[in-house]
Amino acid sequence: MQGAGSQASIHSRAREAGDYDLFKERVRKEYKWVPGALYLHKRIEVLESFLKRRSIYGSEYFRELYESPARRNLERAIRGLRR
């Protein structure tokens, strides 16, 4: 089961679309050393792994608050990476 700290870090996926876009830019900057094609492939793989879970969040509290917006952001991010 996920602890509150790890769930809080996953909270970034449930942010407003504009905030999530900034988060995506920061992630890319953090992994700027990874070649573009490899980054795209692996990033999509990671994001899809979240969507394949029955639930992204381990606690009911986080699920009720953030599950739907987090899934929307992940789907939008994957579409953007595939363009």
N, C-alpha and C. Protein backbone atom coordinates (compact mmCIF):
# COMPACT_ATOMS: atom_id res chain seq x y z
N MET A 1 0.84 -1.19 0.00
CA MET A 1 0.00 0.00 0.00
C MET A 1 0.88 1.25 0.00
N GLN A 2 0.44 2.28 -0.66
CA GLN A 2 1.21 3.51 -0.75
C GLN A 2 1.05 4.33 0.52
N GLY A 3 2.14 4.95 0.95
CA GLY A 3 2.07 5.85 2.09
C GLY A 3 1.57 7.21 1.67
N ALA A 4 1.24 8.04 2.66
CA ALA A 4 0.72 9.37 2.37
C ALA A 4 1.72 10.20 1.58
N GLY A 5 3.01 10.05 1.88
CA GLY A 5 4.02 10.83 1.17
C GLY A 5 4.06 10.51 -0.31
N SER A 6 4.04 9.22 -0.64
CA SER A 6 4.08 8.86 -2.05
C SER A 6 2.80 9.25 -2.76
N GLN A 7 1.68 9.17 -2.07
CA GLN A 7 0.42 9.60 -2.68
C GLN A 7 0.43 11.10 -2.91
N ALA A 8 1.02 11.83 -2.00
CA ALA A 8 1.10 13.28 -2.18
C ALA A 8 1.95 13.61 -3.40
N SER A 9 3.02 12.84 -3.63
CA SER A 9 3.84 13.11 -4.80
C SER A 9 3.09 12.78 -6.09
N ILE A 10 2.22 11.80 -6.05
CA ILE A 10 1.41 11.46 -7.22
C ILE A 10 0.33 12.52 -7.43
N HIS A 11 0.04 13.29 -6.41
CA HIS A 11 -0.98 14.34 -6.50
C HIS A 11 -0.71 15.27 -7.67
N SER A 12 0.55 15.43 -8.05
CA SER A 12 0.88 16.33 -9.16
C SER A 12 0.15 15.94 -10.43
N ARG A 13 -0.22 14.68 -10.58
CA ARG A 13 -0.93 14.23 -11.78
C ARG A 13 -2.38 14.70 -11.80
N ALA A 14 -2.88 15.16 -10.68
CA ALA A 14 -4.27 15.58 -10.60
C ALA A 14 -4.43 17.10 -10.67
N ARG A 15 -3.38 17.80 -10.94
CA ARG A 15 -3.43 19.27 -10.98
C ARG A 15 -4.25 19.76 -12.16
N GLU A 16 -4.55 21.05 -12.10
CA GLU A 16 -5.19 21.70 -13.25
C GLU A 16 -4.30 21.50 -14.47
N ALA A 17 -4.90 21.51 -15.64
CA ALA A 17 -4.16 21.21 -16.87
C ALA A 17 -2.92 22.10 -17.03
N GLY A 18 -3.04 23.40 -16.80
CA GLY A 18 -1.90 24.31 -16.94
C GLY A 18 -0.79 23.99 -15.95
N ASP A 19 -1.17 23.67 -14.71
CA ASP A 19 -0.18 23.30 -13.71
C ASP A 19 0.49 21.98 -14.08
N TYR A 20 -0.29 21.06 -14.61
CA TYR A 20 0.27 19.78 -15.01
C TYR A 20 1.25 19.96 -16.17
N ASP A 21 0.95 20.90 -17.06
CA ASP A 21 1.87 21.18 -18.17
C ASP A 21 3.22 21.65 -17.63
N LEU A 22 3.21 22.49 -16.61
CA LEU A 22 4.47 22.94 -15.99
C LEU A 22 5.20 21.76 -15.36
N PHE A 23 4.45 20.88 -14.71
CA PHE A 23 5.02 19.68 -14.11
C PHE A 23 5.70 18.84 -15.19
N LYS A 24 5.04 18.66 -16.34
CA LYS A 24 5.61 17.86 -17.43
C LYS A 24 6.92 18.49 -17.92
N GLU A 25 6.96 19.81 -18.02
CA GLU A 25 8.18 20.49 -18.46
C GLU A 25 9.32 20.26 -17.47
N ARG A 26 9.00 20.30 -16.18
CA ARG A 26 10.02 20.06 -15.16
C ARG A 26 10.55 18.63 -15.23
N VAL A 27 9.67 17.69 -15.47
CA VAL A 27 10.10 16.29 -15.60
C VAL A 27 11.05 16.16 -16.78
N ARG A 28 10.69 16.75 -17.91
CA ARG A 28 11.56 16.66 -19.09
C ARG A 28 12.91 17.28 -18.81
N LYS A 29 12.94 18.43 -18.13
CA LYS A 29 14.21 19.07 -17.80
C LYS A 29 15.05 18.17 -16.90
N GLU A 30 14.40 17.49 -15.97
CA GLU A 30 15.10 16.59 -15.07
C GLU A 30 15.76 15.44 -15.85
N TYR A 31 15.12 15.03 -16.92
CA TYR A 31 15.63 13.91 -17.72
C TYR A 31 16.18 14.38 -19.07
N LYS A 32 16.71 15.61 -19.10
CA LYS A 32 17.21 16.15 -20.36
C LYS A 32 18.38 15.35 -20.93
N TRP A 33 19.05 14.60 -20.10
CA TRP A 33 20.17 13.77 -20.54
C TRP A 33 19.71 12.54 -21.33
N VAL A 34 18.41 12.23 -21.26
CA VAL A 34 17.87 11.08 -21.99
C VAL A 34 17.53 11.51 -23.41
N PRO A 35 18.03 10.81 -24.42
CA PRO A 35 17.71 11.17 -25.81
C PRO A 35 16.20 11.21 -26.05
N GLY A 36 15.78 12.12 -26.93
CA GLY A 36 14.36 12.39 -27.16
C GLY A 36 13.49 11.18 -27.43
N ALA A 37 13.88 10.33 -28.38
CA ALA A 37 13.06 9.17 -28.73
C ALA A 37 12.94 8.20 -27.57
N LEU A 38 14.03 7.98 -26.86
CA LEU A 38 14.00 7.08 -25.70
C LEU A 38 13.13 7.67 -24.59
N TYR A 39 13.27 8.96 -24.36
CA TYR A 39 12.46 9.63 -23.34
C TYR A 39 10.97 9.46 -23.66
N LEU A 40 10.59 9.73 -24.90
CA LEU A 40 9.17 9.61 -25.28
C LEU A 40 8.66 8.20 -25.05
N HIS A 41 9.42 7.22 -25.49
CA HIS A 41 9.00 5.82 -25.34
C HIS A 41 8.82 5.45 -23.86
N LYS A 42 9.82 5.77 -23.05
CA LYS A 42 9.78 5.39 -21.63
C LYS A 42 8.75 6.21 -20.85
N ARG A 43 8.61 7.47 -21.20
CA ARG A 43 7.63 8.32 -20.49
C ARG A 43 6.22 7.80 -20.76
N ILE A 44 5.92 7.47 -21.99
CA ILE A 44 4.61 6.90 -22.31
C ILE A 44 4.40 5.60 -21.54
N GLU A 45 5.43 4.78 -21.49
CA GLU A 45 5.36 3.51 -20.76
C GLU A 45 5.02 3.73 -19.28
N VAL A 46 5.68 4.70 -18.66
CA VAL A 46 5.44 5.00 -17.25
C VAL A 46 4.01 5.52 -17.05
N LEU A 47 3.60 6.47 -17.89
CA LEU A 47 2.26 7.05 -17.73
C LEU A 47 1.18 5.99 -17.96
N GLU A 48 1.38 5.14 -18.94
CA GLU A 48 0.40 4.07 -19.19
C GLU A 48 0.33 3.09 -18.02
N SER A 49 1.45 2.90 -17.33
CA SER A 49 1.44 1.99 -16.19
C SER A 49 0.52 2.51 -15.08
N PHE A 50 0.44 3.82 -14.94
CA PHE A 50 -0.50 4.39 -13.96
C PHE A 50 -1.94 4.14 -14.40
N LEU A 51 -2.21 4.32 -15.69
CA LEU A 51 -3.58 4.13 -16.18
C LEU A 51 -4.03 2.67 -16.11
N LYS A 52 -3.10 1.74 -16.17
CA LYS A 52 -3.45 0.33 -16.11
C LYS A 52 -3.82 -0.13 -14.70
N ARG A 53 -3.46 0.66 -13.73
CA ARG A 53 -3.80 0.31 -12.35
C ARG A 53 -5.31 0.44 -12.14
N ARG A 54 -5.81 -0.38 -11.29
CA ARG A 54 -7.23 -0.25 -10.93
C ARG A 54 -7.47 1.13 -10.34
N SER A 55 -6.53 1.58 -9.54
CA SER A 55 -6.59 2.92 -8.97
C SER A 55 -5.17 3.46 -8.87
N ILE A 56 -5.02 4.74 -9.15
CA ILE A 56 -3.72 5.38 -9.05
C ILE A 56 -3.33 5.58 -7.59
N TYR A 57 -4.32 5.86 -6.77
CA TYR A 57 -4.10 6.18 -5.37
C TYR A 57 -4.49 5.03 -4.46
N GLY A 58 -3.74 4.85 -3.39
CA GLY A 58 -3.99 3.76 -2.46
C GLY A 58 -5.07 4.04 -1.44
N SER A 59 -5.31 5.30 -1.15
CA SER A 59 -6.31 5.61 -0.13
C SER A 59 -7.59 6.12 -0.78
N GLU A 60 -8.68 5.82 -0.15
CA GLU A 60 -9.98 6.26 -0.65
C GLU A 60 -10.05 7.78 -0.70
N TYR A 61 -9.47 8.45 0.29
CA TYR A 61 -9.48 9.91 0.34
C TYR A 61 -8.88 10.50 -0.93
N PHE A 62 -7.66 10.04 -1.29
CA PHE A 62 -7.00 10.56 -2.49
C PHE A 62 -7.75 10.15 -3.75
N ARG A 63 -8.27 8.92 -3.77
CA ARG A 63 -9.03 8.46 -4.94
C ARG A 63 -10.22 9.36 -5.20
N GLU A 64 -10.98 9.66 -4.18
CA GLU A 64 -12.18 10.48 -4.35
C GLU A 64 -11.84 11.88 -4.82
N LEU A 65 -10.76 12.43 -4.33
CA LEU A 65 -10.38 13.80 -4.69
C LEU A 65 -9.69 13.90 -6.05
N TYR A 66 -8.81 12.96 -6.35
CA TYR A 66 -7.88 13.17 -7.44
C TYR A 66 -7.88 12.15 -8.57
N GLU A 67 -8.53 11.02 -8.41
CA GLU A 67 -8.44 9.96 -9.42
C GLU A 67 -8.87 10.42 -10.81
N SER A 68 -10.04 11.02 -10.91
CA SER A 68 -10.54 11.43 -12.23
C SER A 68 -9.66 12.47 -12.91
N PRO A 69 -9.32 13.57 -12.22
CA PRO A 69 -8.46 14.55 -12.89
C PRO A 69 -7.07 13.99 -13.21
N ALA A 70 -6.55 13.12 -12.37
CA ALA A 70 -5.24 12.53 -12.64
C ALA A 70 -5.29 11.68 -13.90
N ARG A 71 -6.33 10.88 -14.04
CA ARG A 71 -6.46 10.05 -15.24
C ARG A 71 -6.61 10.91 -16.50
N ARG A 72 -7.37 11.98 -16.41
CA ARG A 72 -7.52 12.87 -17.57
C ARG A 72 -6.17 13.48 -17.96
N ASN A 73 -5.41 13.92 -16.97
CA ASN A 73 -4.09 14.50 -17.25
C ASN A 73 -3.14 13.48 -17.85
N LEU A 74 -3.16 12.26 -17.33
CA LEU A 74 -2.29 11.22 -17.87
C LEU A 74 -2.66 10.90 -19.32
N GLU A 75 -3.93 10.79 -19.60
CA GLU A 75 -4.38 10.52 -20.98
C GLU A 75 -3.98 11.66 -21.91
N ARG A 76 -4.14 12.89 -21.45
CA ARG A 76 -3.78 14.06 -22.27
C ARG A 76 -2.26 14.10 -22.50
N ALA A 77 -1.50 13.77 -21.46
CA ALA A 77 -0.05 13.76 -21.58
C ALA A 77 0.42 12.71 -22.59
N ILE A 78 -0.20 11.53 -22.55
CA ILE A 78 0.16 10.47 -23.49
C ILE A 78 -0.17 10.89 -24.92
N ARG A 79 -1.34 11.49 -25.11
CA ARG A 79 -1.70 11.97 -26.46
C ARG A 79 -0.67 12.98 -26.95
N GLY A 80 -0.26 13.89 -26.08
CA GLY A 80 0.72 14.91 -26.45
C GLY A 80 2.08 14.31 -26.80
N LEU A 81 2.49 13.30 -26.08
CA LEU A 81 3.78 12.66 -26.35
C LEU A 81 3.76 11.87 -27.66
N ARG A 82 2.60 11.40 -28.04
CA ARG A 82 2.49 10.60 -29.27
C ARG A 82 2.40 11.45 -30.53
N ARG A 83 2.22 12.72 -30.41
CA ARG A 83 2.11 13.59 -31.60
C ARG A 83 3.39 13.68 -32.34
